[in-house]
Amino acid sequence: MDIIECDIEGPLIIESKVFGDERGFFMESWNAAAFAAAGLDISFVQDNHSRSQKGVLRGMHFQQPGPQGKLVRVVAGAVYDVAVDMRRSSSTFGKWVGVELSAKNKRMFWVPQGFAHGFLTLEDDTDFLYKCDAPYAPDTEHSLAYDDPDVGIEWPLAGLEVKLSAKDREGKRLANLEPFS
């Protein structure tokens, strides 16, 4: 697999080897030994799957306390996936990185603990899968406003009508959230 570092320390783009022929393709999406050899010694405790229509924006979520690291990928459709550094001690605190994930490019994105995470679906019937290294804890979940001007995420919104959940419409600005130390 190829691991591509991002402009922010922590998140990684992961490209697995894909073996294809006229029948289709095969790829390993998770292999504990291979990931550990690449410096990602992660124990996952939960797998999630969401399906969304074009224009759905989910996020920017994080848990504090009880943060989650997430290995995310798309198996149908496409998303613009974003991680925001919520670690106050980091030199990139409040900065973001985004990557397009799709069934076509088969990329994965590692979002470590200490980051808010969210995505915008770019196609109808997008299936988004993610492995988490800590269980979901709704009582400690927070939402960073996807449109916080202090963060300035450049979502590819041209021609899209954004659809948000009630929880995500109530996301708070970075200045009003308790970040990680």
C-alpha atoms as a PDB file:
ATOM      1  CA  MET A   1       0.000   0.000   0.000  1.00  0.00           C
ATOM      2  CA  ASP A   2       1.035   3.595  -0.516  1.00  0.00           C
ATOM      3  CA  ILE A   3       0.655   6.088   2.325  1.00  0.00           C
ATOM      4  CA  ILE A   4       0.424   9.761   1.406  1.00  0.00           C
ATOM      5  CA  GLU A   5       1.033  12.339   4.128  1.00  0.00           C
ATOM      6  CA  CYS A   6      -1.223  15.394   4.253  1.00  0.00           C
ATOM      7  CA  ASP A   7      -0.412  19.038   4.965  1.00  0.00           C
ATOM      8  CA  ILE A   8      -1.470  18.418   8.574  1.00  0.00           C
ATOM      9  CA  GLU A   9       0.405  15.871  10.682  1.00  0.00           C
ATOM     10  CA  GLY A  10      -1.801  12.884  11.485  1.00  0.00           C
ATOM     11  CA  PRO A  11      -4.326  12.342   8.685  1.00  0.00           C
ATOM     12  CA  LEU A  12      -3.116  10.037   5.908  1.00  0.00           C
ATOM     13  CA  ILE A  13      -4.371   9.064   2.474  1.00  0.00           C
ATOM     14  CA  ILE A  14      -3.987   5.323   1.928  1.00  0.00           C
ATOM     15  CA  GLU A  15      -3.931   3.693  -1.485  1.00  0.00           C
ATOM     16  CA  SER A  16      -4.129  -0.094  -1.403  1.00  0.00           C
ATOM     17  CA  LYS A  17      -2.832  -2.256  -4.194  1.00  0.00           C
ATOM     18  CA  VAL A  18      -5.732  -3.088  -6.514  1.00  0.00           C
ATOM     19  CA  PHE A  19      -5.621  -6.218  -8.636  1.00  0.00           C
ATOM     20  CA  GLY A  20      -8.093  -6.083 -11.497  1.00  0.00           C
ATOM     21  CA  ASP A  21      -9.002  -7.914 -14.666  1.00  0.00           C
ATOM     22  CA  GLU A  22     -12.056  -8.392 -16.875  1.00  0.00           C
ATOM     23  CA  ARG A  23     -13.900 -10.010 -13.935  1.00  0.00           C
ATOM     24  CA  GLY A  24     -13.527  -7.041 -11.588  1.00  0.00           C
ATOM     25  CA  PHE A  25     -10.974  -6.298  -8.882  1.00  0.00           C
ATOM     26  CA  PHE A  26      -9.583  -7.377  -5.520  1.00  0.00           C
ATOM     27  CA  MET A  27      -7.986  -5.242  -2.823  1.00  0.00           C
ATOM     28  CA  GLU A  28      -7.204  -5.529   0.866  1.00  0.00           C
ATOM     29  CA  SER A  29      -8.976  -2.736   2.709  1.00  0.00           C
ATOM     30  CA  TRP A  30      -7.599  -3.756   6.100  1.00  0.00           C
ATOM     31  CA  ASN A  31      -4.690  -5.938   7.151  1.00  0.00           C
ATOM     32  CA  ALA A  32      -3.495  -5.386  10.727  1.00  0.00           C
ATOM     33  CA  ALA A  33       0.056  -6.589  10.055  1.00  0.00           C
ATOM     34  CA  ALA A  34       0.489  -4.464   6.901  1.00  0.00           C
ATOM     35  CA  PHE A  35      -0.885  -1.348   8.595  1.00  0.00           C
ATOM     36  CA  ALA A  36       1.315  -1.932  11.680  1.00  0.00           C
ATOM     37  CA  ALA A  37       4.354  -2.314   9.431  1.00  0.00           C
ATOM     38  CA  ALA A  38       3.454   1.082   7.942  1.00  0.00           C
ATOM     39  CA  GLY A  39       3.347   2.636  11.425  1.00  0.00           C
ATOM     40  CA  LEU A  40      -0.421   2.385  11.931  1.00  0.00           C
ATOM     41  CA  ASP A  41      -0.797  -0.079  14.792  1.00  0.00           C
ATOM     42  CA  ILE A  42      -4.539   0.358  15.286  1.00  0.00           C
ATOM     43  CA  SER A  43      -7.127  -1.776  17.070  1.00  0.00           C
ATOM     44  CA  PHE A  44     -10.608  -1.204  15.698  1.00  0.00           C
ATOM     45  CA  VAL A  45     -13.705  -1.782  17.833  1.00  0.00           C
ATOM     46  CA  GLN A  46     -16.559  -0.706  15.560  1.00  0.00           C
ATOM     47  CA  ASP A  47     -17.459  -0.650  11.848  1.00  0.00           C
ATOM     48  CA  ASN A  48     -20.059   1.777  10.455  1.00  0.00           C
ATOM     49  CA  HIS A  49     -21.804   2.166   7.116  1.00  0.00           C
ATOM     50  CA  SER A  50     -23.841   5.155   5.951  1.00  0.00           C
ATOM     51  CA  ARG A  51     -25.682   5.744   2.682  1.00  0.00           C
ATOM     52  CA  SER A  52     -26.413   9.288   1.549  1.00  0.00           C
ATOM     53  CA  GLN A  53     -27.816  11.119  -1.420  1.00  0.00           C
ATOM     54  CA  LYS A  54     -25.921  13.808  -3.315  1.00  0.00           C
ATOM     55  CA  GLY A  55     -25.471  17.007  -1.306  1.00  0.00           C
ATOM     56  CA  VAL A  56     -25.697  15.456   2.173  1.00  0.00           C
ATOM     57  CA  LEU A  57     -23.104  16.942   4.506  1.00  0.00           C
ATOM     58  CA  ARG A  58     -22.375  14.916   7.636  1.00  0.00           C
ATOM     59  CA  GLY A  59     -20.127  16.518  10.226  1.00  0.00           C
ATOM     60  CA  MET A  60     -17.947  17.968  11.506  1.00  0.00           C
ATOM     61  CA  HIS A  61     -18.046  15.505  14.417  1.00  0.00           C
ATOM     62  CA  PHE A  62     -15.647  14.637  17.210  1.00  0.00           C
ATOM     63  CA  GLN A  63     -15.872  13.030  20.638  1.00  0.00           C
ATOM     64  CA  GLN A  64     -14.353  14.746  23.669  1.00  0.00           C
ATOM     65  CA  PRO A  65     -13.653  12.863  25.912  1.00  0.00           C
ATOM     66  CA  GLY A  66     -13.322   9.448  24.286  1.00  0.00           C
ATOM     67  CA  PRO A  67     -11.990  10.490  20.867  1.00  0.00           C
ATOM     68  CA  GLN A  68     -12.241   8.196  17.867  1.00  0.00           C
ATOM     69  CA  GLY A  69      -9.759   7.543  15.102  1.00  0.00           C
ATOM     70  CA  LYS A  70     -11.460   6.564  11.845  1.00  0.00           C
ATOM     71  CA  LEU A  71     -10.320   4.721   8.731  1.00  0.00           C
ATOM     72  CA  VAL A  72     -12.830   5.804   6.094  1.00  0.00           C
ATOM     73  CA  ARG A  73     -13.575   4.784   2.508  1.00  0.00           C
ATOM     74  CA  VAL A  74     -16.293   4.867  -0.122  1.00  0.00           C
ATOM     75  CA  VAL A  75     -17.555   1.707  -1.850  1.00  0.00           C
ATOM     76  CA  ALA A  76     -20.267   3.334  -4.008  1.00  0.00           C
ATOM     77  CA  GLY A  77     -20.389   6.960  -5.142  1.00  0.00           C
ATOM     78  CA  ALA A  78     -18.052   9.720  -3.983  1.00  0.00           C
ATOM     79  CA  VAL A  79     -17.464  12.155  -1.117  1.00  0.00           C
ATOM     80  CA  TYR A  80     -15.298  15.106  -0.254  1.00  0.00           C
ATOM     81  CA  ASP A  81     -13.903  14.058   3.123  1.00  0.00           C
ATOM     82  CA  VAL A  82     -12.504  16.590   5.626  1.00  0.00           C
ATOM     83  CA  ALA A  83     -10.520  16.437   8.879  1.00  0.00           C
ATOM     84  CA  VAL A  84      -9.993  19.510  11.104  1.00  0.00           C
ATOM     85  CA  ASP A  85      -7.179  19.561  13.657  1.00  0.00           C
ATOM     86  CA  MET A  86      -8.767  20.039  17.101  1.00  0.00           C
ATOM     87  CA  ARG A  87      -5.506  19.619  19.051  1.00  0.00           C
ATOM     88  CA  ARG A  88      -4.771  22.952  20.742  1.00  0.00           C
ATOM     89  CA  SER A  89      -1.086  22.012  21.215  1.00  0.00           C
ATOM     90  CA  SER A  90      -0.662  21.342  17.484  1.00  0.00           C
ATOM     91  CA  SER A  91       0.967  23.874  15.165  1.00  0.00           C
ATOM     92  CA  THR A  92      -1.923  23.180  12.751  1.00  0.00           C
ATOM     93  CA  PHE A  93      -4.743  23.667  15.291  1.00  0.00           C
ATOM     94  CA  GLY A  94      -7.912  24.755  13.470  1.00  0.00           C
ATOM     95  CA  LYS A  95      -6.505  23.857  10.037  1.00  0.00           C
ATOM     96  CA  TRP A  96      -8.209  21.391   7.737  1.00  0.00           C
ATOM     97  CA  VAL A  97      -7.357  18.881   5.031  1.00  0.00           C
ATOM     98  CA  GLY A  98      -9.752  17.470   2.451  1.00  0.00           C
ATOM     99  CA  VAL A  99      -9.614  14.583   0.002  1.00  0.00           C
ATOM    100  CA  GLU A 100     -11.998  13.085  -2.534  1.00  0.00           C
ATOM    101  CA  LEU A 101     -12.803   9.463  -1.803  1.00  0.00           C
ATOM    102  CA  SER A 102     -14.735   7.420  -4.326  1.00  0.00           C
ATOM    103  CA  ALA A 103     -15.573   3.908  -5.402  1.00  0.00           C
ATOM    104  CA  LYS A 104     -13.526   4.668  -8.490  1.00  0.00           C
ATOM    105  CA  ASN A 105     -10.285   5.844  -6.819  1.00  0.00           C
ATOM    106  CA  LYS A 106     -10.577   3.316  -3.932  1.00  0.00           C
ATOM    107  CA  ARG A 107      -8.623   5.615  -1.604  1.00  0.00           C
ATOM    108  CA  MET A 108      -8.917   5.396   2.154  1.00  0.00           C
ATOM    109  CA  PHE A 109      -8.388   8.230   4.619  1.00  0.00           C
ATOM    110  CA  TRP A 110      -7.040   7.838   8.157  1.00  0.00           C
ATOM    111  CA  VAL A 111      -8.483  10.471  10.516  1.00  0.00           C
ATOM    112  CA  PRO A 112      -6.691  10.094  13.866  1.00  0.00           C
ATOM    113  CA  GLN A 113      -8.004  10.944  17.302  1.00  0.00           C
ATOM    114  CA  GLY A 114      -7.999  14.693  17.959  1.00  0.00           C
ATOM    115  CA  PHE A 115      -9.680  15.688  14.692  1.00  0.00           C
ATOM    116  CA  ALA A 116     -13.209  16.713  13.777  1.00  0.00           C
ATOM    117  CA  HIS A 117     -14.407  14.735  10.768  1.00  0.00           C
ATOM    118  CA  GLY A 118     -17.084  15.130   8.138  1.00  0.00           C
ATOM    119  CA  PHE A 119     -17.920  14.582   4.499  1.00  0.00           C
ATOM    120  CA  LEU A 120     -20.039  15.912   1.646  1.00  0.00           C
ATOM    121  CA  THR A 121     -21.583  13.397  -0.751  1.00  0.00           C
ATOM    122  CA  LEU A 122     -20.902  14.170  -4.397  1.00  0.00           C
ATOM    123  CA  GLU A 123     -23.120  11.452  -5.920  1.00  0.00           C
ATOM    124  CA  ASP A 124     -26.465   9.840  -5.133  1.00  0.00           C
ATOM    125  CA  ASP A 125     -26.487   6.511  -3.295  1.00  0.00           C
ATOM    126  CA  THR A 126     -23.007   6.977  -1.835  1.00  0.00           C
ATOM    127  CA  ASP A 127     -21.987   4.228   0.579  1.00  0.00           C
ATOM    128  CA  PHE A 128     -19.425   5.383   3.145  1.00  0.00           C
ATOM    129  CA  LEU A 129     -17.682   2.835   5.392  1.00  0.00           C
ATOM    130  CA  TYR A 130     -15.552   3.561   8.428  1.00  0.00           C
ATOM    131  CA  LYS A 131     -13.714   1.626  11.074  1.00  0.00           C
ATOM    132  CA  CYS A 132     -13.377   3.266  14.504  1.00  0.00           C
ATOM    133  CA  ASP A 133     -10.731   2.696  17.167  1.00  0.00           C
ATOM    134  CA  ALA A 134     -13.119   3.688  20.000  1.00  0.00           C
ATOM    135  CA  PRO A 135     -16.859   3.131  20.440  1.00  0.00           C
ATOM    136  CA  TYR A 136     -19.428   5.752  19.534  1.00  0.00           C
ATOM    137  CA  ALA A 137     -20.373   7.787  22.621  1.00  0.00           C
ATOM    138  CA  PRO A 138     -23.277  10.137  21.796  1.00  0.00           C
ATOM    139  CA  ASP A 139     -23.010  11.883  25.182  1.00  0.00           C
ATOM    140  CA  THR A 140     -19.508  13.128  24.341  1.00  0.00           C
ATOM    141  CA  GLU A 141     -20.060  13.923  20.657  1.00  0.00           C
ATOM    142  CA  HIS A 142     -19.695  17.520  19.476  1.00  0.00           C
ATOM    143  CA  SER A 143     -20.207  19.224  16.131  1.00  0.00           C
ATOM    144  CA  LEU A 144     -17.938  21.875  14.688  1.00  0.00           C
ATOM    145  CA  ALA A 145     -19.864  24.122  12.274  1.00  0.00           C
ATOM    146  CA  TYR A 146     -19.094  22.958   8.739  1.00  0.00           C
ATOM    147  CA  ASP A 147     -19.084  26.598   7.625  1.00  0.00           C
ATOM    148  CA  ASP A 148     -17.100  28.159  10.498  1.00  0.00           C
ATOM    149  CA  PRO A 149     -15.344  31.120   8.831  1.00  0.00           C
ATOM    150  CA  ASP A 150     -12.405  30.809  11.246  1.00  0.00           C
ATOM    151  CA  VAL A 151     -11.699  27.310   9.876  1.00  0.00           C
ATOM    152  CA  GLY A 152     -12.613  28.141   6.278  1.00  0.00           C
ATOM    153  CA  ILE A 153     -13.236  24.681   4.813  1.00  0.00           C
ATOM    154  CA  GLU A 154     -13.503  24.979   1.027  1.00  0.00           C
ATOM    155  CA  TRP A 155     -16.312  22.525   0.348  1.00  0.00           C
ATOM    156  CA  PRO A 156     -17.028  21.784  -3.348  1.00  0.00           C
ATOM    157  CA  LEU A 157     -20.581  23.127  -3.101  1.00  0.00           C
ATOM    158  CA  ALA A 158     -21.064  24.420  -6.668  1.00  0.00           C
ATOM    159  CA  GLY A 159     -24.451  23.279  -7.905  1.00  0.00           C
ATOM    160  CA  LEU A 160     -25.289  21.412  -4.691  1.00  0.00           C
ATOM    161  CA  GLU A 161     -28.145  22.002  -2.299  1.00  0.00           C
ATOM    162  CA  VAL A 162     -26.595  21.096   1.060  1.00  0.00           C
ATOM    163  CA  LYS A 163     -28.681  18.800   3.244  1.00  0.00           C
ATOM    164  CA  LEU A 164     -27.843  18.856   6.973  1.00  0.00           C
ATOM    165  CA  SER A 165     -29.217  17.036   9.999  1.00  0.00           C
ATOM    166  CA  ALA A 166     -30.631  19.121  12.853  1.00  0.00           C
ATOM    167  CA  LYS A 167     -27.521  18.257  14.894  1.00  0.00           C
ATOM    168  CA  ASP A 168     -25.204  19.472  12.140  1.00  0.00           C
ATOM    169  CA  ARG A 169     -27.185  22.688  11.622  1.00  0.00           C
ATOM    170  CA  GLU A 170     -26.409  23.452  15.284  1.00  0.00           C
ATOM    171  CA  GLY A 171     -22.638  22.950  14.940  1.00  0.00           C
ATOM    172  CA  LYS A 172     -20.570  25.417  16.963  1.00  0.00           C
ATOM    173  CA  ARG A 173     -17.708  27.616  15.916  1.00  0.00           C
ATOM    174  CA  LEU A 174     -14.209  26.470  16.859  1.00  0.00           C
ATOM    175  CA  ALA A 175     -13.893  29.366  19.327  1.00  0.00           C
ATOM    176  CA  ASN A 176     -16.914  28.004  21.242  1.00  0.00           C
ATOM    177  CA  LEU A 177     -15.753  24.382  21.522  1.00  0.00           C
ATOM    178  CA  GLU A 178     -13.411  22.678  23.980  1.00  0.00           C
ATOM    179  CA  PRO A 179     -10.550  21.313  21.874  1.00  0.00           C
ATOM    180  CA  PHE A 180      -8.136  18.541  22.746  1.00  0.00           C
ATOM    181  CA  SER A 181      -5.002  19.520  24.650  1.00  0.00           C
END
